[in-house]
PDB file of N, CA and C in Angstrom:
ATOM      1  N   MET A   1       1.158  -2.210 -12.990  1.00  0.00           N
ATOM      2  CA  MET A   1       2.948  -2.048 -13.790  1.00  0.00           C
ATOM      3  C   MET A   1       2.142  -2.263 -15.579  1.00  0.00           C
ATOM      4  N   LEU A   2       2.381  -3.529 -15.238  1.00  0.00           N
ATOM      5  CA  LEU A   2       2.101  -4.260 -16.670  1.00  0.00           C
ATOM      6  C   LEU A   2       0.977  -4.163 -16.858  1.00  0.00           C
ATOM      7  N   ALA A   3       0.294  -4.984 -16.359  1.00  0.00           N
ATOM      8  CA  ALA A   3      -1.182  -4.998 -17.082  1.00  0.00           C
ATOM      9  C   ALA A   3      -1.699  -2.726 -17.890  1.00  0.00           C
ATOM     10  N   LEU A   4      -0.510  -1.593 -17.370  1.00  0.00           N
ATOM     11  CA  LEU A   4      -1.823  -1.346 -17.846  1.00  0.00           C
ATOM     12  C   LEU A   4      -0.825  -0.365 -19.055  1.00  0.00           C
ATOM     13  N   HIS A   5       0.688  -0.031 -18.737  1.00  0.00           N
ATOM     14  CA  HIS A   5       1.646   0.006 -19.785  1.00  0.00           C
ATOM     15  C   HIS A   5       2.396  -0.827 -20.215  1.00  0.00           C
ATOM     16  N   GLY A   6       3.255  -1.189 -19.658  1.00  0.00           N
ATOM     17  CA  GLY A   6       4.235  -2.588 -20.197  1.00  0.00           C
ATOM     18  C   GLY A   6       3.806  -2.966 -21.622  1.00  0.00           C
ATOM     19  N   TRP A   7       2.140  -4.259 -21.386  1.00  0.00           N
ATOM     20  CA  TRP A   7       2.539  -5.224 -23.030  1.00  0.00           C
ATOM     21  C   TRP A   7       2.043  -3.943 -24.241  1.00  0.00           C
ATOM     22  N   ALA A   8       1.623  -2.862 -23.497  1.00  0.00           N
ATOM     23  CA  ALA A   8       1.364  -2.928 -24.759  1.00  0.00           C
ATOM     24  C   ALA A   8       2.477  -1.638 -25.271  1.00  0.00           C
ATOM     25  N   ARG A   9       3.275  -1.014 -24.645  1.00  0.00           N
ATOM     26  CA  ARG A   9       4.385  -0.311 -24.995  1.00  0.00           C
ATOM     27  C   ARG A   9       5.464  -0.706 -25.050  1.00  0.00           C
ATOM     28  N   LEU A  10       5.337  -2.069 -25.088  1.00  0.00           N
ATOM     29  CA  LEU A  10       6.303  -3.144 -25.830  1.00  0.00           C
ATOM     30  C   LEU A  10       5.988  -3.718 -26.815  1.00  0.00           C
ATOM     31  N   GLY A  11       4.416  -4.514 -27.296  1.00  0.00           N
ATOM     32  CA  GLY A  11       3.987  -4.344 -28.267  1.00  0.00           C
ATOM     33  C   GLY A  11       4.245  -2.986 -29.356  1.00  0.00           C
ATOM     34  N   ARG A  12       4.770  -2.105 -28.736  1.00  0.00           N
ATOM     35  CA  ARG A  12       4.674  -0.961 -29.681  1.00  0.00           C
ATOM     36  C   ARG A  12       6.461  -0.341 -30.333  1.00  0.00           C
ATOM     37  N   ALA A  13       6.832  -0.900 -28.783  1.00  0.00           N
ATOM     38  CA  ALA A  13       8.602  -1.100 -28.786  1.00  0.00           C
ATOM     39  C   ALA A  13       8.369  -2.076 -30.044  1.00  0.00           C
ATOM     40  N   PHE A  14       8.584  -2.914 -29.877  1.00  0.00           N
ATOM     41  CA  PHE A  14       8.589  -4.120 -30.779  1.00  0.00           C
ATOM     42  C   PHE A  14       8.150  -3.876 -32.675  1.00  0.00           C
ATOM     43  N   SER A  15       6.921  -2.862 -32.908  1.00  0.00           N
ATOM     44  CA  SER A  15       6.911  -2.885 -33.957  1.00  0.00           C
ATOM     45  C   SER A  15       7.315  -1.314 -34.060  1.00  0.00           C
ATOM     46  N   TYR A  16       8.079  -0.569 -33.372  1.00  0.00           N
ATOM     47  CA  TYR A  16       9.069   0.427 -34.009  1.00  0.00           C
ATOM     48  C   TYR A  16      10.004   0.528 -34.436  1.00  0.00           C
ATOM     49  N   SER A  17      10.942  -0.910 -33.564  1.00  0.00           N
ATOM     50  CA  SER A  17      12.236  -1.662 -33.592  1.00  0.00           C
ATOM     51  C   SER A  17      12.267  -2.268 -34.304  1.00  0.00           C
ATOM     52  N   VAL A  18      11.633  -3.336 -34.823  1.00  0.00           N
ATOM     53  CA  VAL A  18      11.623  -4.440 -35.517  1.00  0.00           C
ATOM     54  C   VAL A  18      11.568  -3.556 -36.727  1.00  0.00           C
ATOM     55  N   LEU A  19       9.807  -3.797 -37.170  1.00  0.00           N
ATOM     56  CA  LEU A  19       9.188  -3.668 -38.453  1.00  0.00           C
ATOM     57  C   LEU A  19       8.792  -1.979 -38.343  1.00  0.00           C
ATOM     58  N   GLY A  20      10.325  -1.081 -37.775  1.00  0.00           N
ATOM     59  CA  GLY A  20      10.329  -0.230 -38.757  1.00  0.00           C
ATOM     60  C   GLY A  20       8.888   0.876 -38.362  1.00  0.00           C
ATOM     61  N   THR A  21       7.779   0.330 -38.216  1.00  0.00           N
ATOM     62  CA  THR A  21       6.450   1.027 -37.861  1.00  0.00           C
ATOM     63  C   THR A  21       6.692   3.017 -36.695  1.00  0.00           C
ATOM     64  N   GLU A  22       5.999   3.908 -37.486  1.00  0.00           N
ATOM     65  CA  GLU A  22       5.931   5.075 -36.177  1.00  0.00           C
ATOM     66  C   GLU A  22       5.830   4.579 -35.360  1.00  0.00           C
ATOM     67  N   TRP A  23       6.309   5.471 -34.001  1.00  0.00           N
ATOM     68  CA  TRP A  23       5.976   4.785 -32.739  1.00  0.00           C
ATOM     69  C   TRP A  23       6.255   6.583 -32.197  1.00  0.00           C
ATOM     70  N   PRO A  24       4.877   7.369 -31.762  1.00  0.00           N
ATOM     71  CA  PRO A  24       4.743   8.478 -31.250  1.00  0.00           C
ATOM     72  C   PRO A  24       5.367   9.220 -29.704  1.00  0.00           C
ATOM     73  N   PHE A  25       5.618   7.975 -29.596  1.00  0.00           N
ATOM     74  CA  PHE A  25       5.857   8.184 -27.986  1.00  0.00           C
ATOM     75  C   PHE A  25       8.009   8.779 -28.631  1.00  0.00           C
ATOM     76  N   THR A  26       8.212   8.422 -28.855  1.00  0.00           N
ATOM     77  CA  THR A  26       9.970   8.304 -29.399  1.00  0.00           C
ATOM     78  C   THR A  26       9.902   9.617 -29.635  1.00  0.00           C
ATOM     79  N   ASN A  27       8.613  10.606 -29.568  1.00  0.00           N
ATOM     80  CA  ASN A  27       8.534  11.856 -29.992  1.00  0.00           C
ATOM     81  C   ASN A  27       8.523  12.299 -28.547  1.00  0.00           C
ATOM     82  N   LEU A  28       7.775  12.432 -27.668  1.00  0.00           N
ATOM     83  CA  LEU A  28       7.239  12.896 -26.060  1.00  0.00           C
ATOM     84  C   LEU A  28       8.559  12.349 -25.569  1.00  0.00           C
ATOM     85  N   VAL A  29       9.696  11.622 -26.430  1.00  0.00           N
ATOM     86  CA  VAL A  29      10.408  11.113 -25.192  1.00  0.00           C
ATOM     87  C   VAL A  29      11.770  12.082 -25.994  1.00  0.00           C
ATOM     88  N   ALA A  30      11.615  12.220 -27.050  1.00  0.00           N
ATOM     89  CA  ALA A  30      13.303  13.436 -28.062  1.00  0.00           C
ATOM     90  C   ALA A  30      12.342  14.886 -26.830  1.00  0.00           C
ATOM     91  N   ASP A  31      11.122  15.617 -27.120  1.00  0.00           N
ATOM     92  CA  ASP A  31      10.982  16.564 -26.398  1.00  0.00           C
ATOM     93  C   ASP A  31      11.106  16.352 -24.962  1.00  0.00           C
ATOM     94  N   LEU A  32      11.590  15.145 -24.211  1.00  0.00           N
ATOM     95  CA  LEU A  32      12.175  15.703 -22.815  1.00  0.00           C
ATOM     96  C   LEU A  32      13.119  16.400 -22.478  1.00  0.00           C
ATOM     97  N   GLY A  33      13.676  16.107 -23.915  1.00  0.00           N
ATOM     98  CA  GLY A  33      15.975  15.910 -24.171  1.00  0.00           C
ATOM     99  C   GLY A  33      15.905  15.740 -24.447  1.00  0.00           C
ATOM    100  N   PHE A  34      16.114  13.712 -24.015  1.00  0.00           N
ATOM    101  CA  PHE A  34      16.968  12.683 -24.388  1.00  0.00           C
ATOM    102  C   PHE A  34      17.396  12.245 -25.920  1.00  0.00           C
ATOM    103  N   PRO A  35      19.016  12.351 -25.849  1.00  0.00           N
ATOM    104  CA  PRO A  35      19.774  12.458 -26.515  1.00  0.00           C
ATOM    105  C   PRO A  35      18.757  10.451 -27.319  1.00  0.00           C
ATOM    106  N   MET A  36      18.991   9.990 -28.722  1.00  0.00           N
ATOM    107  CA  MET A  36      18.600   8.895 -29.804  1.00  0.00           C
ATOM    108  C   MET A  36      18.158   8.284 -28.868  1.00  0.00           C
ATOM    109  N   ALA A  37      16.287   9.328 -28.174  1.00  0.00           N
ATOM    110  CA  ALA A  37      15.049   9.403 -28.396  1.00  0.00           C
ATOM    111  C   ALA A  37      14.411   6.547 -28.197  1.00  0.00           C
ATOM    112  N   GLY A  38      14.679   6.884 -29.257  1.00  0.00           N
ATOM    113  CA  GLY A  38      13.792   5.579 -29.719  1.00  0.00           C
ATOM    114  C   GLY A  38      14.663   4.659 -29.060  1.00  0.00           C
ATOM    115  N   MET A  39      15.877   4.850 -28.672  1.00  0.00           N
ATOM    116  CA  MET A  39      16.755   3.677 -27.482  1.00  0.00           C
ATOM    117  C   MET A  39      15.965   4.060 -25.354  1.00  0.00           C
ATOM    118  N   PHE A  40      15.372   5.091 -25.944  1.00  0.00           N
ATOM    119  CA  PHE A  40      15.376   5.541 -24.621  1.00  0.00           C
ATOM    120  C   PHE A  40      13.599   4.782 -24.580  1.00  0.00           C
ATOM    121  N   ALA A  41      13.643   5.167 -25.467  1.00  0.00           N
ATOM    122  CA  ALA A  41      11.930   4.731 -25.658  1.00  0.00           C
ATOM    123  C   ALA A  41      11.558   2.912 -25.391  1.00  0.00           C
ATOM    124  N   VAL A  42      12.635   2.478 -26.436  1.00  0.00           N
ATOM    125  CA  VAL A  42      12.585   0.751 -26.357  1.00  0.00           C
ATOM    126  C   VAL A  42      12.671   0.247 -24.535  1.00  0.00           C
ATOM    127  N   ALA A  43      14.133   1.746 -23.753  1.00  0.00           N
ATOM    128  CA  ALA A  43      14.113   1.246 -22.114  1.00  0.00           C
ATOM    129  C   ALA A  43      12.908   1.075 -21.603  1.00  0.00           C
ATOM    130  N   SER A  44      12.299   1.526 -21.877  1.00  0.00           N
ATOM    131  CA  SER A  44      11.776   2.340 -20.804  1.00  0.00           C
ATOM    132  C   SER A  44      10.742   1.340 -21.716  1.00  0.00           C
ATOM    133  N   ALA A  45      10.268   0.893 -22.006  1.00  0.00           N
ATOM    134  CA  ALA A  45       8.833  -0.560 -22.982  1.00  0.00           C
ATOM    135  C   ALA A  45       9.788  -1.340 -22.690  1.00  0.00           C
ATOM    136  N   LEU A  46      11.013  -2.013 -22.071  1.00  0.00           N
ATOM    137  CA  LEU A  46      11.613  -3.303 -21.681  1.00  0.00           C
ATOM    138  C   LEU A  46      11.665  -2.969 -19.692  1.00  0.00           C
ATOM    139  N   SER A  47      11.908  -1.681 -19.543  1.00  0.00           N
ATOM    140  CA  SER A  47      11.486  -1.477 -17.853  1.00  0.00           C
ATOM    141  C   SER A  47      10.390  -2.211 -17.183  1.00  0.00           C
ATOM    142  N   GLU A  48       9.022  -1.122 -17.945  1.00  0.00           N
ATOM    143  CA  GLU A  48       7.688  -1.206 -17.898  1.00  0.00           C
ATOM    144  C   GLU A  48       6.967  -2.275 -17.623  1.00  0.00           C
ATOM    145  N   SER A  49       7.965  -3.247 -18.570  1.00  0.00           N
ATOM    146  CA  SER A  49       7.212  -4.134 -18.888  1.00  0.00           C
ATOM    147  C   SER A  49       7.796  -5.883 -18.567  1.00  0.00           C
ATOM    148  N   ILE A  50       8.949  -6.065 -18.875  1.00  0.00           N
ATOM    149  CA  ILE A  50       9.948  -7.172 -18.546  1.00  0.00           C
ATOM    150  C   ILE A  50      10.535  -7.294 -16.675  1.00  0.00           C
ATOM    151  N   GLY A  51      10.769  -5.572 -16.709  1.00  0.00           N
ATOM    152  CA  GLY A  51      11.396  -5.053 -15.201  1.00  0.00           C
ATOM    153  C   GLY A  51      10.018  -4.943 -14.949  1.00  0.00           C
ATOM    154  N   ALA A  52       8.711  -4.837 -14.760  1.00  0.00           N
ATOM    155  CA  ALA A  52       7.322  -5.363 -13.847  1.00  0.00           C
ATOM    156  C   ALA A  52       7.194  -7.219 -13.601  1.00  0.00           C
ATOM    157  N   ILE A  53       7.600  -7.568 -15.169  1.00  0.00           N
ATOM    158  CA  ILE A  53       8.082  -9.200 -14.091  1.00  0.00           C
ATOM    159  C   ILE A  53       9.598  -8.877 -13.432  1.00  0.00           C
ATOM    160  N   LEU A  54      10.165  -8.407 -13.784  1.00  0.00           N
ATOM    161  CA  LEU A  54      11.302  -9.792 -12.926  1.00  0.00           C
ATOM    162  C   LEU A  54      11.145  -9.213 -11.235  1.00  0.00           C
ATOM    163  N   VAL A  55      10.001  -7.894 -11.154  1.00  0.00           N
ATOM    164  CA  VAL A  55      10.054  -7.034  -9.904  1.00  0.00           C
ATOM    165  C   VAL A  55       8.726  -8.123  -9.449  1.00  0.00           C
ATOM    166  N   GLY A  56       8.249  -8.864 -10.676  1.00  0.00           N
ATOM    167  CA  GLY A  56       6.461  -9.700  -9.515  1.00  0.00           C
ATOM    168  C   GLY A  56       6.761 -10.831  -9.007  1.00  0.00           C
ATOM    169  N   ILE A  57       8.125 -11.948  -9.982  1.00  0.00           N
ATOM    170  CA  ILE A  57       8.356 -12.931 -10.165  1.00  0.00           C
ATOM    171  C   ILE A  57       9.477 -13.040  -8.610  1.00  0.00           C
ATOM    172  N   GLY A  58      10.257 -11.469  -8.404  1.00  0.00           N
ATOM    173  CA  GLY A  58      11.245 -11.259  -6.822  1.00  0.00           C
ATOM    174  C   GLY A  58      12.914 -12.051  -7.766  1.00  0.00           C
ATOM    175  N   LEU A  59      13.124 -12.057  -9.661  1.00  0.00           N
ATOM    176  CA  LEU A  59      14.207 -12.220  -9.714  1.00  0.00           C
ATOM    177  C   LEU A  59      15.222 -10.564 -10.558  1.00  0.00           C
ATOM    178  N   PHE A  60      16.309 -10.362 -10.027  1.00  0.00           N
ATOM    179  CA  PHE A  60      16.808  -9.463 -10.353  1.00  0.00           C
ATOM    180  C   PHE A  60      15.966  -7.811  -9.739  1.00  0.00           C
ATOM    181  N   THR A  61      15.486  -9.035  -8.553  1.00  0.00           N
ATOM    182  CA  THR A  61      14.324  -7.742  -7.689  1.00  0.00           C
ATOM    183  C   THR A  61      15.555  -5.922  -8.027  1.00  0.00           C
ATOM    184  N   ARG A  62      15.897  -5.888  -7.112  1.00  0.00           N
ATOM    185  CA  ARG A  62      16.396  -3.652  -6.900  1.00  0.00           C
ATOM    186  C   ARG A  62      16.532  -3.752  -8.206  1.00  0.00           C
ATOM    187  N   PRO A  63      17.984  -4.123  -8.741  1.00  0.00           N
ATOM    188  CA  PRO A  63      18.453  -3.488 -10.880  1.00  0.00           C
ATOM    189  C   PRO A  63      17.103  -3.335 -11.425  1.00  0.00           C
ATOM    190  N   ALA A  64      15.783  -4.159 -11.443  1.00  0.00           N
ATOM    191  CA  ALA A  64      14.512  -4.180 -12.351  1.00  0.00           C
ATOM    192  C   ALA A  64      14.058  -3.193 -12.158  1.00  0.00           C
ATOM    193  N   ALA A  65      14.241  -3.077 -10.100  1.00  0.00           N
ATOM    194  CA  ALA A  65      13.474  -1.935  -9.672  1.00  0.00           C
ATOM    195  C   ALA A  65      14.404  -0.617  -9.898  1.00  0.00           C
ATOM    196  N   VAL A  66      15.234  -0.930  -9.295  1.00  0.00           N
ATOM    197  CA  VAL A  66      16.348   0.752 -10.215  1.00  0.00           C
ATOM    198  C   VAL A  66      15.458   1.109 -11.407  1.00  0.00           C
ATOM    199  N   PHE A  67      15.650   0.364 -12.014  1.00  0.00           N
ATOM    200  CA  PHE A  67      14.956   0.843 -13.621  1.00  0.00           C
ATOM    201  C   PHE A  67      13.404   1.147 -13.846  1.00  0.00           C
ATOM    202  N   LEU A  68      12.472   0.785 -12.709  1.00  0.00           N
ATOM    203  CA  LEU A  68      11.372   1.192 -12.651  1.00  0.00           C
ATOM    204  C   LEU A  68      11.636   2.648 -12.308  1.00  0.00           C
ATOM    205  N   ALA A  69      12.475   2.517 -10.979  1.00  0.00           N
ATOM    206  CA  ALA A  69      12.195   3.987 -10.495  1.00  0.00           C
ATOM    207  C   ALA A  69      12.273   4.777 -11.048  1.00  0.00           C
ATOM    208  N   ILE A  70      13.757   4.736 -11.380  1.00  0.00           N
ATOM    209  CA  ILE A  70      14.067   5.809 -12.416  1.00  0.00           C
ATOM    210  C   ILE A  70      13.329   6.340 -14.076  1.00  0.00           C
ATOM    211  N   ASP A  71      12.371   4.704 -14.150  1.00  0.00           N
ATOM    212  CA  ASP A  71      11.723   5.486 -15.183  1.00  0.00           C
ATOM    213  C   ASP A  71      10.339   5.788 -15.009  1.00  0.00           C
ATOM    214  N   MET A  72      10.104   6.371 -13.787  1.00  0.00           N
ATOM    215  CA  MET A  72       9.288   7.051 -13.044  1.00  0.00           C
ATOM    216  C   MET A  72       9.216   8.384 -12.476  1.00  0.00           C
ATOM    217  N   THR A  73      10.287   8.493 -12.492  1.00  0.00           N
ATOM    218  CA  THR A  73      11.276   9.850 -12.359  1.00  0.00           C
ATOM    219  C   THR A  73      10.101  10.806 -13.375  1.00  0.00           C
ATOM    220  N   VAL A  74      11.539   9.684 -14.020  1.00  0.00           N
ATOM    221  CA  VAL A  74      11.131  10.735 -15.884  1.00  0.00           C
ATOM    222  C   VAL A  74       9.634  10.606 -15.659  1.00  0.00           C
ATOM    223  N   ALA A  75       8.853  10.067 -15.841  1.00  0.00           N
ATOM    224  CA  ALA A  75       6.942  10.290 -16.236  1.00  0.00           C
ATOM    225  C   ALA A  75       6.434  11.143 -14.740  1.00  0.00           C
ATOM    226  N   LEU A  76       7.256  10.952 -13.143  1.00  0.00           N
ATOM    227  CA  LEU A  76       6.939  12.148 -12.251  1.00  0.00           C
ATOM    228  C   LEU A  76       6.700  13.752 -13.380  1.00  0.00           C
ATOM    229  N   TYR A  77       7.883  13.925 -13.758  1.00  0.00           N
ATOM    230  CA  TYR A  77       9.191  15.256 -13.912  1.00  0.00           C
ATOM    231  C   TYR A  77       8.464  15.505 -15.563  1.00  0.00           C
ATOM    232  N   ASN A  78       7.711  14.661 -15.963  1.00  0.00           N
ATOM    233  CA  ASN A  78       6.566  14.939 -17.761  1.00  0.00           C
ATOM    234  C   ASN A  78       5.083  15.593 -17.512  1.00  0.00           C
ATOM    235  N   GLU A  79       4.894  14.411 -16.601  1.00  0.00           N
ATOM    236  CA  GLU A  79       3.519  14.683 -15.881  1.00  0.00           C
ATOM    237  C   GLU A  79       2.975  15.726 -15.296  1.00  0.00           C
ATOM    238  N   MET A  80       4.333  16.192 -14.672  1.00  0.00           N
ATOM    239  CA  MET A  80       4.470  17.754 -13.890  1.00  0.00           C
ATOM    240  C   MET A  80       4.405  18.885 -13.882  1.00  0.00           C
ATOM    241  N   TRP A  81       5.694  18.757 -15.638  1.00  0.00           N
ATOM    242  CA  TRP A  81       5.677  19.818 -15.924  1.00  0.00           C
ATOM    243  C   TRP A  81       4.408  20.152 -17.750  1.00  0.00           C
ATOM    244  N   GLY A  82       3.761  19.081 -17.118  1.00  0.00           N
ATOM    245  CA  GLY A  82       1.869  18.717 -18.877  1.00  0.00           C
ATOM    246  C   GLY A  82       0.916  19.253 -17.701  1.00  0.00           C
ATOM    247  N   ALA A  83       1.354  19.329 -16.549  1.00  0.00           N
ATOM    248  CA  ALA A  83      -0.045  20.057 -16.159  1.00  0.00           C
ATOM    249  C   ALA A  83      -0.839  18.461 -15.961  1.00  0.00           C
ATOM    250  N   ASP A  84      -0.432  17.172 -15.910  1.00  0.00           N
ATOM    251  CA  ASP A  84      -1.054  16.254 -15.115  1.00  0.00           C
ATOM    252  C   ASP A  84      -1.681  15.382 -14.195  1.00  0.00           C
ATOM    253  N   PRO A  85      -2.191  14.965 -14.402  1.00  0.00           N
ATOM    254  CA  PRO A  85      -2.008  14.570 -12.533  1.00  0.00           C
ATOM    255  C   PRO A  85      -1.006  13.289 -12.732  1.00  0.00           C
ATOM    256  N   ILE A  86      -0.071  13.444 -11.280  1.00  0.00           N
ATOM    257  CA  ILE A  86       0.954  12.424 -11.012  1.00  0.00           C
ATOM    258  C   ILE A  86       0.830  10.927 -10.325  1.00  0.00           C
ATOM    259  N   GLU A  87      -0.369  11.364 -10.277  1.00  0.00           N
ATOM    260  CA  GLU A  87      -0.927  10.179  -8.199  1.00  0.00           C
ATOM    261  C   GLU A  87      -0.408   8.534  -9.331  1.00  0.00           C
ATOM    262  N   LEU A  88      -0.344   8.635 -10.288  1.00  0.00           N
ATOM    263  CA  LEU A  88       0.323   7.646 -11.112  1.00  0.00           C
ATOM    264  C   LEU A  88       1.290   6.899 -10.790  1.00  0.00           C
ATOM    265  N   PRO A  89       2.012   7.948 -11.974  1.00  0.00           N
ATOM    266  CA  PRO A  89       3.336   8.191 -11.817  1.00  0.00           C
ATOM    267  C   PRO A  89       3.839   7.653 -10.272  1.00  0.00           C
ATOM    268  N   ALA A  90       3.612   8.194  -9.383  1.00  0.00           N
ATOM    269  CA  ALA A  90       3.960   8.823  -8.030  1.00  0.00           C
ATOM    270  C   ALA A  90       4.373   7.698  -7.824  1.00  0.00           C
ATOM    271  N   LEU A  91       2.618   6.832  -7.515  1.00  0.00           N
ATOM    272  CA  LEU A  91       2.209   4.832  -7.179  1.00  0.00           C
ATOM    273  C   LEU A  91       3.584   5.021  -7.654  1.00  0.00           C
ATOM    274  N   TYR A  92       3.824   4.764  -8.621  1.00  0.00           N
ATOM    275  CA  TYR A  92       4.785   3.533  -9.181  1.00  0.00           C
ATOM    276  C   TYR A  92       6.412   3.820  -9.056  1.00  0.00           C
ATOM    277  N   PHE A  93       6.453   4.702  -8.530  1.00  0.00           N
ATOM    278  CA  PHE A  93       7.986   5.642  -8.085  1.00  0.00           C
ATOM    279  C   PHE A  93       8.395   5.130  -6.516  1.00  0.00           C
ATOM    280  N   ILE A  94       6.686   5.318  -5.837  1.00  0.00           N
ATOM    281  CA  ILE A  94       6.928   5.081  -4.589  1.00  0.00           C
ATOM    282  C   ILE A  94       7.718   3.621  -4.095  1.00  0.00           C
ATOM    283  N   ALA A  95       6.137   2.978  -5.379  1.00  0.00           N
ATOM    284  CA  ALA A  95       6.802   1.341  -5.069  1.00  0.00           C
ATOM    285  C   ALA A  95       7.963   0.921  -5.632  1.00  0.00           C
ATOM    286  N   ALA A  96       8.540   1.106  -6.642  1.00  0.00           N
ATOM    287  CA  ALA A  96       9.737   1.016  -7.265  1.00  0.00           C
ATOM    288  C   ALA A  96      10.600   1.342  -6.159  1.00  0.00           C
ATOM    289  N   LEU A  97      10.925   2.603  -5.501  1.00  0.00           N
ATOM    290  CA  LEU A  97      11.881   3.105  -4.886  1.00  0.00           C
ATOM    291  C   LEU A  97      11.398   1.967  -3.114  1.00  0.00           C
ATOM    292  N   THR A  98      10.256   1.204  -3.333  1.00  0.00           N
ATOM    293  CA  THR A  98      10.804   0.614  -1.411  1.00  0.00           C
ATOM    294  C   THR A  98      10.939  -1.013  -2.146  1.00  0.00           C
ATOM    295  N   VAL A  99      10.792  -1.384  -3.316  1.00  0.00           N
ATOM    296  CA  VAL A  99      11.176  -2.687  -3.190  1.00  0.00           C
ATOM    297  C   VAL A  99      13.252  -2.361  -3.824  1.00  0.00           C
ATOM    298  N   VAL A 100      13.436  -1.333  -4.190  1.00  0.00           N
ATOM    299  CA  VAL A 100      14.676  -0.793  -4.205  1.00  0.00           C
ATOM    300  C   VAL A 100      15.310  -0.876  -3.464  1.00  0.00           C
ATOM    301  N   MET A 101      14.746  -0.914  -2.141  1.00  0.00           N
ATOM    302  CA  MET A 101      15.163  -0.567  -0.207  1.00  0.00           C
ATOM    303  C   MET A 101      15.341  -1.907   0.700  1.00  0.00           C
ATOM    304  N   THR A 102      13.841  -2.075   0.218  1.00  0.00           N
ATOM    305  CA  THR A 102      13.326  -3.560   0.464  1.00  0.00           C
ATOM    306  C   THR A 102      13.224  -5.156   0.284  1.00  0.00           C
ATOM    307  N   GLY A 103      14.199  -4.909  -1.097  1.00  0.00           N
ATOM    308  CA  GLY A 103      14.267  -6.521  -1.984  1.00  0.00           C
ATOM    309  C   GLY A 103      13.085  -7.666  -2.166  1.00  0.00           C
ATOM    310  N   PRO A 104      13.522  -8.069  -2.290  1.00  0.00           N
ATOM    311  CA  PRO A 104      12.529  -8.850  -3.086  1.00  0.00           C
ATOM    312  C   PRO A 104      10.797  -9.864  -2.410  1.00  0.00           C
ATOM    313  N   GLY A 105      11.772 -10.218  -0.793  1.00  0.00           N
ATOM    314  CA  GLY A 105      10.681 -10.478   0.160  1.00  0.00           C
ATOM    315  C   GLY A 105      11.471 -11.889  -0.260  1.00  0.00           C
ATOM    316  N   ARG A 106      10.210 -12.633   1.251  1.00  0.00           N
ATOM    317  CA  ARG A 106      10.431 -13.581   1.437  1.00  0.00           C
ATOM    318  C   ARG A 106      10.462 -15.059   0.177  1.00  0.00           C
ATOM    319  N   TYR A 107       9.596 -14.908  -0.362  1.00  0.00           N
ATOM    320  CA  TYR A 107       9.409 -15.464  -2.029  1.00  0.00           C
ATOM    321  C   TYR A 107       9.721 -15.061  -3.118  1.00  0.00           C
ATOM    322  N   GLY A 108      10.347 -14.197  -2.976  1.00  0.00           N
ATOM    323  CA  GLY A 108      10.701 -13.707  -3.821  1.00  0.00           C
ATOM    324  C   GLY A 108      12.073 -15.294  -4.761  1.00  0.00           C
ATOM    325  N   LEU A 109      12.104 -15.296  -5.840  1.00  0.00           N
ATOM    326  CA  LEU A 109      13.192 -16.363  -6.831  1.00  0.00           C
ATOM    327  C   LEU A 109      14.203 -15.927  -6.266  1.00  0.00           C
ATOM    328  N   ASP A 110      14.594 -13.919  -6.122  1.00  0.00           N
ATOM    329  CA  ASP A 110      15.880 -14.292  -5.382  1.00  0.00           C
ATOM    330  C   ASP A 110      15.816 -14.885  -4.161  1.00  0.00           C
ATOM    331  N   THR A 111      15.249 -14.397  -3.055  1.00  0.00           N
ATOM    332  CA  THR A 111      15.617 -15.262  -2.205  1.00  0.00           C
ATOM    333  C   THR A 111      16.019 -16.916  -1.544  1.00  0.00           C
ATOM    334  N   ILE A 112      15.155 -17.180  -2.467  1.00  0.00           N
ATOM    335  CA  ILE A 112      15.086 -18.755  -2.689  1.00  0.00           C
ATOM    336  C   ILE A 112      16.443 -19.269  -3.028  1.00  0.00           C
ATOM    337  N   LEU A 113      16.804 -18.405  -4.202  1.00  0.00           N
ATOM    338  CA  LEU A 113      17.458 -19.691  -4.863  1.00  0.00           C
ATOM    339  C   LEU A 113      19.338 -18.908  -4.401  1.00  0.00           C
ATOM    340  N   SER A 114      19.164 -17.308  -3.362  1.00  0.00           N
ATOM    341  CA  SER A 114      19.818 -17.172  -2.661  1.00  0.00           C
ATOM    342  C   SER A 114      20.225 -18.724  -1.059  1.00  0.00           C
ATOM    343  N   GLU A 115      19.287 -18.761  -0.739  1.00  0.00           N
ATOM    344  CA  GLU A 115      18.697 -19.593   0.390  1.00  0.00           C
ATOM    345  C   GLU A 115      19.109 -21.168  -0.518  1.00  0.00           C
ATOM    346  N   ARG A 116      19.872 -21.799  -1.536  1.00  0.00           N
ATOM    347  CA  ARG A 116      19.342 -22.649  -2.031  1.00  0.00           C
ATOM    348  C   ARG A 116      20.835 -22.900  -1.953  1.00  0.00           C
ATOM    349  N   ARG A 117      21.874 -21.052  -2.810  1.00  0.00           N
ATOM    350  CA  ARG A 117      22.993 -21.804  -2.197  1.00  0.00           C
ATOM    351  C   ARG A 117      23.482 -21.309  -1.411  1.00  0.00           C
ATOM    352  N   GLU A 118      22.923 -21.071  -0.176  1.00  0.00           N
ATOM    353  CA  GLU A 118      24.107 -21.528   1.231  1.00  0.00           C
ATOM    354  C   GLU A 118      23.640 -22.852   1.817  1.00  0.00           C
ATOM    355  N   ARG A 119      23.000 -23.911   1.394  1.00  0.00           N
ATOM    356  CA  ARG A 119      22.793 -25.032   1.784  1.00  0.00           C
ATOM    357  C   ARG A 119      23.244 -25.527   0.942  1.00  0.00           C
ATOM    358  N   LYS A 120      23.612 -25.352   0.229  1.00  0.00           N
ATOM    359  CA  LYS A 120      25.201 -26.417  -1.091  1.00  0.00           C
ATOM    360  C   LYS A 120      26.015 -25.426  -0.692  1.00  0.00           C
ATOM    361  N   GLU A 121      26.212 -24.683   0.459  1.00  0.00           N
ATOM    362  CA  GLU A 121      27.132 -24.304   0.113  1.00  0.00           C
ATOM    363  C   GLU A 121      27.768 -24.746   2.098  1.00  0.00           C
ATOM    364  N   GLU A 122      26.832 -25.328   2.237  1.00  0.00           N
ATOM    365  CA  GLU A 122      27.060 -25.028   3.814  1.00  0.00           C
ATOM    366  C   GLU A 122      27.513 -27.209   4.391  1.00  0.00           C
ATOM    367  N   ARG A 123      27.202 -27.760   3.082  1.00  0.00           N
ATOM    368  CA  ARG A 123      27.165 -29.179   3.306  1.00  0.00           C
ATOM    369  C   ARG A 123      28.630 -29.940   2.554  1.00  0.00           C
ATOM    370  N   PRO A 124      29.410 -30.448   3.209  1.00  0.00           N
ATOM    371  CA  PRO A 124      30.573 -31.072   2.930  1.00  0.00           C
ATOM    372  C   PRO A 124      30.493 -31.700   1.943  1.00  0.00           C
TER     373      PRO A 124
END
């Protein structure tokens, strides 16, 4: 997710938000019927970049995965009605949904920090 979509989209979102350059992705978002298309386009870029990093390191895992799943739901809808292949957004959606249900895993930062907090609370 991060390598294929996140970094490139984050750079374009920065240029759009800060430098005021045109970003065709906002037109696609507007065509999907979203109000404030620029804001939703930037949110999509953030979920595909920062959200993917957070899921990868296991920090704020479930909330980040929820945003990724929502983002991929919209991508799936767009691909299905555009007669484009849906495999990639479907794979990302299923992966994000799995992480929402299962959590960060044993080596995720959420788990490590939680275990540390529990050990501190156990000390007298």
